PDB file of N, CA and C in Angstrom:
ATOM      1  N   MET A   1      98.903 144.332 266.731  1.00  0.00           N
ATOM      2  CA  MET A   1      98.825 143.887 265.346  1.00  0.00           C
ATOM      3  C   MET A   1      98.267 145.018 264.496  1.00  0.00           C
ATOM      4  N   ASP A   2      98.768 145.158 263.290  1.00  0.00           N
ATOM      5  CA  ASP A   2      98.310 146.170 262.361  1.00  0.00           C
ATOM      6  C   ASP A   2      96.928 145.787 261.856  1.00  0.00           C
ATOM      7  N   SER A   3      95.946 146.646 262.110  1.00  0.00           N
ATOM      8  CA  SER A   3      94.568 146.317 261.733  1.00  0.00           C
ATOM      9  C   SER A   3      94.333 146.347 260.222  1.00  0.00           C
ATOM     10  N   THR A   4      95.296 146.873 259.465  1.00  0.00           N
ATOM     11  CA  THR A   4      95.134 146.885 257.998  1.00  0.00           C
ATOM     12  C   THR A   4      95.517 145.555 257.370  1.00  0.00           C
ATOM     13  N   ILE A   5      96.136 144.669 258.175  1.00  0.00           N
ATOM     14  CA  ILE A   5      96.511 143.356 257.671  1.00  0.00           C
ATOM     15  C   ILE A   5      95.410 142.370 258.028  1.00  0.00           C
ATOM     16  N   LYS A   6      94.746 141.815 257.005  1.00  0.00           N
ATOM     17  CA  LYS A   6      93.591 140.940 257.237  1.00  0.00           C
ATOM     18  C   LYS A   6      93.991 139.588 257.796  1.00  0.00           C
ATOM     19  N   ASP A   7      94.863 138.891 257.098  1.00  0.00           N
ATOM     20  CA  ASP A   7      95.265 137.560 257.512  1.00  0.00           C
ATOM     21  C   ASP A   7      96.593 137.203 256.842  1.00  0.00           C
ATOM     22  N   PHE A   8      97.091 136.024 257.162  1.00  0.00           N
ATOM     23  CA  PHE A   8      98.393 135.584 256.657  1.00  0.00           C
ATOM     24  C   PHE A   8      98.447 135.587 255.143  1.00  0.00           C
ATOM     25  N   GLU A   9      97.412 135.036 254.508  1.00  0.00           N
ATOM     26  CA  GLU A   9      97.405 134.930 253.047  1.00  0.00           C
ATOM     27  C   GLU A   9      97.386 136.294 252.382  1.00  0.00           C
ATOM     28  N   ALA A  10      96.604 137.221 252.937  1.00  0.00           N
ATOM     29  CA  ALA A  10      96.557 138.589 252.410  1.00  0.00           C
ATOM     30  C   ALA A  10      97.896 139.279 252.579  1.00  0.00           C
ATOM     31  N   ALA A  11      98.549 139.047 253.715  1.00  0.00           N
ATOM     32  CA  ALA A  11      99.852 139.659 253.981  1.00  0.00           C
ATOM     33  C   ALA A  11     100.898 139.138 252.994  1.00  0.00           C
ATOM     34  N   ILE A  12     100.894 137.842 252.743  1.00  0.00           N
ATOM     35  CA  ILE A  12     101.842 137.267 251.775  1.00  0.00           C
ATOM     36  C   ILE A  12     101.606 137.848 250.386  1.00  0.00           C
ATOM     37  N   ALA A  13     100.351 137.949 249.981  1.00  0.00           N
ATOM     38  CA  ALA A  13     100.022 138.474 248.652  1.00  0.00           C
ATOM     39  C   ALA A  13     100.481 139.921 248.528  1.00  0.00           C
ATOM     40  N   GLU A  14     100.242 140.724 249.558  1.00  0.00           N
ATOM     41  CA  GLU A  14     100.660 142.124 249.499  1.00  0.00           C
ATOM     42  C   GLU A  14     102.182 142.218 249.506  1.00  0.00           C
ATOM     43  N   LEU A  15     102.821 141.389 250.293  1.00  0.00           N
ATOM     44  CA  LEU A  15     104.284 141.395 250.365  1.00  0.00           C
ATOM     45  C   LEU A  15     104.886 141.031 248.994  1.00  0.00           C
ATOM     46  N   GLU A  16     104.321 140.057 248.320  1.00  0.00           N
ATOM     47  CA  GLU A  16     104.794 139.695 246.985  1.00  0.00           C
ATOM     48  C   GLU A  16     104.632 140.852 246.005  1.00  0.00           C
ATOM     49  N   SER A  17     103.517 141.557 246.119  1.00  0.00           N
ATOM     50  CA  SER A  17     103.266 142.715 245.253  1.00  0.00           C
ATOM     51  C   SER A  17     104.315 143.813 245.512  1.00  0.00           C
ATOM     52  N   ILE A  18     104.611 144.046 246.768  1.00  0.00           N
ATOM     53  CA  ILE A  18     105.598 145.070 247.129  1.00  0.00           C
ATOM     54  C   ILE A  18     106.966 144.699 246.588  1.00  0.00           C
ATOM     55  N   VAL A  19     107.341 143.449 246.738  1.00  0.00           N
ATOM     56  CA  VAL A  19     108.655 142.997 246.237  1.00  0.00           C
ATOM     57  C   VAL A  19     108.757 143.237 244.732  1.00  0.00           C
ATOM     58  N   LYS A  20     107.693 142.899 243.992  1.00  0.00           N
ATOM     59  CA  LYS A  20     107.717 143.119 242.540  1.00  0.00           C
ATOM     60  C   LYS A  20     107.888 144.582 242.196  1.00  0.00           C
ATOM     61  N   LYS A  21     107.167 145.455 242.897  1.00  0.00           N
ATOM     62  CA  LYS A  21     107.264 146.893 242.648  1.00  0.00           C
ATOM     63  C   LYS A  21     108.665 147.405 242.934  1.00  0.00           C
ATOM     64  N   LEU A  22     109.240 146.956 244.050  1.00  0.00           N
ATOM     65  CA  LEU A  22     110.575 147.410 244.421  1.00  0.00           C
ATOM     66  C   LEU A  22     111.630 146.885 243.449  1.00  0.00           C
ATOM     67  N   GLU A  23     111.443 145.660 242.965  1.00  0.00           N
ATOM     68  CA  GLU A  23     112.398 145.074 242.029  1.00  0.00           C
ATOM     69  C   GLU A  23     112.400 145.821 240.695  1.00  0.00           C
ATOM     70  N   GLU A  24     111.261 146.374 240.311  1.00  0.00           N
ATOM     71  CA  GLU A  24     111.194 147.126 239.063  1.00  0.00           C
ATOM     72  C   GLU A  24     112.064 148.372 239.139  1.00  0.00           C
ATOM     73  N   GLY A  25     112.149 148.974 240.300  1.00  0.00           N
ATOM     74  CA  GLY A  25     113.055 150.090 240.520  1.00  0.00           C
ATOM     75  C   GLY A  25     112.663 151.406 239.883  1.00  0.00           C
ATOM     76  N   ASP A  26     111.447 151.563 239.417  1.00  0.00           N
ATOM     77  CA  ASP A  26     111.029 152.796 238.746  1.00  0.00           C
ATOM     78  C   ASP A  26     110.287 153.755 239.674  1.00  0.00           C
ATOM     79  N   LEU A  27     110.437 153.602 240.975  1.00  0.00           N
ATOM     80  CA  LEU A  27     109.683 154.387 241.932  1.00  0.00           C
ATOM     81  C   LEU A  27     110.547 155.506 242.512  1.00  0.00           C
ATOM     82  N   PRO A  28     109.901 156.604 242.889  1.00  0.00           N
ATOM     83  CA  PRO A  28     110.656 157.645 243.608  1.00  0.00           C
ATOM     84  C   PRO A  28     111.154 157.092 244.946  1.00  0.00           C
ATOM     85  N   LEU A  29     112.197 157.683 245.465  1.00  0.00           N
ATOM     86  CA  LEU A  29     112.818 157.191 246.692  1.00  0.00           C
ATOM     87  C   LEU A  29     111.817 157.136 247.847  1.00  0.00           C
ATOM     88  N   GLU A  30     111.028 158.194 248.041  1.00  0.00           N
ATOM     89  CA  GLU A  30     110.083 158.225 249.149  1.00  0.00           C
ATOM     90  C   GLU A  30     109.055 157.087 249.032  1.00  0.00           C
ATOM     91  N   THR A  31     108.564 156.823 247.835  1.00  0.00           N
ATOM     92  CA  THR A  31     107.618 155.732 247.622  1.00  0.00           C
ATOM     93  C   THR A  31     108.267 154.387 247.924  1.00  0.00           C
ATOM     94  N   SER A  32     109.508 154.246 247.478  1.00  0.00           N
ATOM     95  CA  SER A  32     110.243 153.001 247.746  1.00  0.00           C
ATOM     96  C   SER A  32     110.402 152.778 249.249  1.00  0.00           C
ATOM     97  N   LEU A  33     110.721 153.845 249.961  1.00  0.00           N
ATOM     98  CA  LEU A  33     110.896 153.732 251.425  1.00  0.00           C
ATOM     99  C   LEU A  33     109.572 153.367 252.090  1.00  0.00           C
ATOM    100  N   GLN A  34     108.473 153.950 251.645  1.00  0.00           N
ATOM    101  CA  GLN A  34     107.166 153.623 252.202  1.00  0.00           C
ATOM    102  C   GLN A  34     106.807 152.181 251.947  1.00  0.00           C
ATOM    103  N   LEU A  35     107.065 151.701 250.730  1.00  0.00           N
ATOM    104  CA  LEU A  35     106.789 150.309 250.400  1.00  0.00           C
ATOM    105  C   LEU A  35     107.669 149.371 251.236  1.00  0.00           C
ATOM    106  N   TYR A  36     108.927 149.738 251.385  1.00  0.00           N
ATOM    107  CA  TYR A  36     109.834 148.908 252.180  1.00  0.00           C
ATOM    108  C   TYR A  36     109.344 148.830 253.618  1.00  0.00           C
ATOM    109  N   GLU A  37     108.933 149.957 254.177  1.00  0.00           N
ATOM    110  CA  GLU A  37     108.406 149.968 255.553  1.00  0.00           C
ATOM    111  C   GLU A  37     107.189 149.072 255.681  1.00  0.00           C
ATOM    112  N   ARG A  38     106.291 149.166 254.714  1.00  0.00           N
ATOM    113  CA  ARG A  38     105.098 148.307 254.726  1.00  0.00           C
ATOM    114  C   ARG A  38     105.506 146.847 254.622  1.00  0.00           C
ATOM    115  N   GLY A  39     106.484 146.572 253.780  1.00  0.00           N
ATOM    116  CA  GLY A  39     106.981 145.203 253.627  1.00  0.00           C
ATOM    117  C   GLY A  39     107.526 144.637 254.923  1.00  0.00           C
ATOM    118  N   VAL A  40     108.232 145.471 255.691  1.00  0.00           N
ATOM    119  CA  VAL A  40     108.765 145.042 256.986  1.00  0.00           C
ATOM    120  C   VAL A  40     107.615 144.722 257.936  1.00  0.00           C
ATOM    121  N   GLN A  41     106.573 145.569 257.942  1.00  0.00           N
ATOM    122  CA  GLN A  41     105.401 145.317 258.805  1.00  0.00           C
ATOM    123  C   GLN A  41     104.755 143.969 258.419  1.00  0.00           C
ATOM    124  N   LEU A  42     104.580 143.757 257.144  1.00  0.00           N
ATOM    125  CA  LEU A  42     103.951 142.513 256.672  1.00  0.00           C
ATOM    126  C   LEU A  42     104.815 141.305 257.018  1.00  0.00           C
ATOM    127  N   SER A  43     106.121 141.437 256.837  1.00  0.00           N
ATOM    128  CA  SER A  43     107.040 140.346 257.137  1.00  0.00           C
ATOM    129  C   SER A  43     106.981 139.984 258.625  1.00  0.00           C
ATOM    130  N   ARG A  44     106.954 141.001 259.480  1.00  0.00           N
ATOM    131  CA  ARG A  44     106.880 140.742 260.919  1.00  0.00           C
ATOM    132  C   ARG A  44     105.555 140.070 261.280  1.00  0.00           C
ATOM    133  N   PHE A  45     104.472 140.527 260.661  1.00  0.00           N
ATOM    134  CA  PHE A  45     103.152 139.934 260.897  1.00  0.00           C
ATOM    135  C   PHE A  45     103.187 138.450 260.516  1.00  0.00           C
ATOM    136  N   CYS A  46     103.713 138.149 259.332  1.00  0.00           N
ATOM    137  CA  CYS A  46     103.762 136.749 258.858  1.00  0.00           C
ATOM    138  C   CYS A  46     104.637 135.907 259.768  1.00  0.00           C
ATOM    139  N   HIS A  47     105.767 136.444 260.182  1.00  0.00           N
ATOM    140  CA  HIS A  47     106.653 135.707 261.085  1.00  0.00           C
ATOM    141  C   HIS A  47     105.939 135.390 262.401  1.00  0.00           C
ATOM    142  N   ALA A  48     105.235 136.363 262.940  1.00  0.00           N
ATOM    143  CA  ALA A  48     104.506 136.144 264.210  1.00  0.00           C
ATOM    144  C   ALA A  48     103.424 135.093 264.020  1.00  0.00           C
ATOM    145  N   GLN A  49     102.718 135.120 262.889  1.00  0.00           N
ATOM    146  CA  GLN A  49     101.670 134.142 262.621  1.00  0.00           C
ATOM    147  C   GLN A  49     102.265 132.736 262.530  1.00  0.00           C
ATOM    148  N   LEU A  50     103.408 132.613 261.872  1.00  0.00           N
ATOM    149  CA  LEU A  50     104.054 131.300 261.756  1.00  0.00           C
ATOM    150  C   LEU A  50     104.525 130.796 263.113  1.00  0.00           C
ATOM    151  N   GLU A  51     105.053 131.693 263.944  1.00  0.00           N
ATOM    152  CA  GLU A  51     105.472 131.283 265.292  1.00  0.00           C
ATOM    153  C   GLU A  51     104.278 130.778 266.100  1.00  0.00           C
ATOM    154  N   GLN A  52     103.138 131.488 266.001  1.00  0.00           N
ATOM    155  CA  GLN A  52     101.934 131.054 266.719  1.00  0.00           C
ATOM    156  C   GLN A  52     101.483 129.687 266.239  1.00  0.00           C
ATOM    157  N   ALA A  53     101.530 129.482 264.931  1.00  0.00           N
ATOM    158  CA  ALA A  53     101.107 128.172 264.381  1.00  0.00           C
ATOM    159  C   ALA A  53     102.027 127.076 264.902  1.00  0.00           C
ATOM    160  N   GLU A  54     103.332 127.341 264.936  1.00  0.00           N
ATOM    161  CA  GLU A  54     104.273 126.346 265.434  1.00  0.00           C
ATOM    162  C   GLU A  54     103.994 126.001 266.904  1.00  0.00           C
ATOM    163  N   LYS A  55     103.705 127.014 267.706  1.00  0.00           N
ATOM    164  CA  LYS A  55     103.410 126.782 269.117  1.00  0.00           C
ATOM    165  C   LYS A  55     102.135 125.948 269.278  1.00  0.00           C
ATOM    166  N   ARG A  56     101.125 126.253 268.450  1.00  0.00           N
ATOM    167  CA  ARG A  56      99.881 125.484 268.533  1.00  0.00           C
ATOM    168  C   ARG A  56     100.127 124.031 268.159  1.00  0.00           C
ATOM    169  N   ILE A  57     100.946 123.803 267.162  1.00  0.00           N
ATOM    170  CA  ILE A  57     101.260 122.439 266.729  1.00  0.00           C
ATOM    171  C   ILE A  57     102.011 121.712 267.836  1.00  0.00           C
ATOM    172  N   GLU A  58     102.966 122.413 268.474  1.00  0.00           N
ATOM    173  CA  GLU A  58     103.711 121.785 269.581  1.00  0.00           C
ATOM    174  C   GLU A  58     102.770 121.397 270.716  1.00  0.00           C
ATOM    175  N   ILE A  59     101.841 122.292 271.051  1.00  0.00           N
ATOM    176  CA  ILE A  59     100.890 121.989 272.131  1.00  0.00           C
ATOM    177  C   ILE A  59     100.027 120.804 271.759  1.00  0.00           C
ATOM    178  N   LEU A  60      99.518 120.782 270.524  1.00  0.00           N
ATOM    179  CA  LEU A  60      98.702 119.659 270.082  1.00  0.00           C
ATOM    180  C   LEU A  60      99.495 118.357 270.119  1.00  0.00           C
ATOM    181  N   ASN A  61     100.743 118.427 269.691  1.00  0.00           N
ATOM    182  CA  ASN A  61     101.598 117.236 269.716  1.00  0.00           C
ATOM    183  C   ASN A  61     101.798 116.721 271.137  1.00  0.00           C
ATOM    184  N   GLU A  62     102.014 117.651 272.080  1.00  0.00           N
ATOM    185  CA  GLU A  62     102.215 117.256 273.469  1.00  0.00           C
ATOM    186  C   GLU A  62     100.943 116.663 274.075  1.00  0.00           C
ATOM    187  N   ARG A  63      99.821 117.279 273.809  1.00  0.00           N
ATOM    188  CA  ARG A  63      98.551 116.809 274.368  1.00  0.00           C
ATOM    189  C   ARG A  63      98.146 115.471 273.773  1.00  0.00           C
ATOM    190  N   GLY A  64      98.309 115.354 272.474  1.00  0.00           N
ATOM    191  CA  GLY A  64      97.886 114.141 271.810  1.00  0.00           C
ATOM    192  C   GLY A  64      98.995 113.125 271.666  1.00  0.00           C
ATOM    193  N   GLN A  65     100.180 113.496 272.117  1.00  0.00           N
ATOM    194  CA  GLN A  65     101.348 112.653 271.996  1.00  0.00           C
ATOM    195  C   GLN A  65     101.522 112.184 270.562  1.00  0.00           C
ATOM    196  N   LEU A  66     101.334 113.133 269.639  1.00  0.00           N
ATOM    197  CA  LEU A  66     101.522 112.834 268.235  1.00  0.00           C
ATOM    198  C   LEU A  66     103.003 112.874 267.904  1.00  0.00           C
ATOM    199  N   THR A  67     103.381 112.127 266.901  1.00  0.00           N
ATOM    200  CA  THR A  67     104.764 112.188 266.443  1.00  0.00           C
ATOM    201  C   THR A  67     104.782 112.932 265.116  1.00  0.00           C
ATOM    202  N   PRO A  68     105.898 113.578 264.811  1.00  0.00           N
ATOM    203  CA  PRO A  68     105.962 114.298 263.541  1.00  0.00           C
ATOM    204  C   PRO A  68     105.768 113.358 262.352  1.00  0.00           C
ATOM    205  N   ALA A  69     105.242 113.899 261.289  1.00  0.00           N
ATOM    206  CA  ALA A  69     105.058 113.127 260.058  1.00  0.00           C
ATOM    207  C   ALA A  69     106.446 112.759 259.534  1.00  0.00           C
ATOM    208  N   PRO A  70     106.544 111.609 258.880  1.00  0.00           N
ATOM    209  CA  PRO A  70     107.833 111.222 258.280  1.00  0.00           C
ATOM    210  C   PRO A  70     108.286 112.261 257.268  1.00  0.00           C
ATOM    211  N   SER A  71     109.590 112.465 257.172  1.00  0.00           N
ATOM    212  CA  SER A  71     110.127 113.487 256.285  1.00  0.00           C
ATOM    213  C   SER A  71     109.837 113.200 254.811  1.00  0.00           C
ATOM    214  N   ASN A  72     109.558 111.954 254.480  1.00  0.00           N
ATOM    215  CA  ASN A  72     109.294 111.615 253.078  1.00  0.00           C
ATOM    216  C   ASN A  72     107.799 111.635 252.749  1.00  0.00           C
ATOM    217  N   LEU A  73     106.973 112.116 253.669  1.00  0.00           N
ATOM    218  CA  LEU A  73     105.527 112.167 253.449  1.00  0.00           C
ATOM    219  C   LEU A  73     105.225 113.096 252.278  1.00  0.00           C
ATOM    220  N   GLY A  74     104.454 112.630 251.363  1.00  0.00           N
ATOM    221  CA  GLY A  74     104.048 113.462 250.235  1.00  0.00           C
ATOM    222  C   GLY A  74     104.986 113.377 249.046  1.00  0.00           C
ATOM    223  N   THR A  75     106.060 112.638 249.156  1.00  0.00           N
ATOM    224  CA  THR A  75     106.959 112.509 248.021  1.00  0.00           C
ATOM    225  C   THR A  75     106.477 111.367 247.136  1.00  0.00           C
ATOM    226  N   ASP A  76     106.781 111.472 245.886  1.00  0.00           N
ATOM    227  CA  ASP A  76     106.368 110.448 244.942  1.00  0.00           C
ATOM    228  C   ASP A  76     107.475 109.395 244.793  1.00  0.00           C
ATOM    229  N   GLU A  77     107.438 108.447 245.686  1.00  0.00           N
ATOM    230  CA  GLU A  77     108.436 107.381 245.634  1.00  0.00           C
ATOM    231  C   GLU A  77     107.823 106.096 245.187  1.00  0.00           C
TER     232      GLU A  77
END
């Protein structure tokens, strides 16, 4: 894991910042490539964190024999 990435929330915030900078398009090519590379690192970190969370939820569901929440949970009906 990249030690410069603090946590999931920090990675998402930095990734959003990078996307905004790249969308502006006013950067030199080398800077854009560096930002893109960092964005890929952040994206991979976030994906791995989400996969770990999913696995933990599956384990908890199996141990506790919990059922998934209804799909309409949280909707204003």
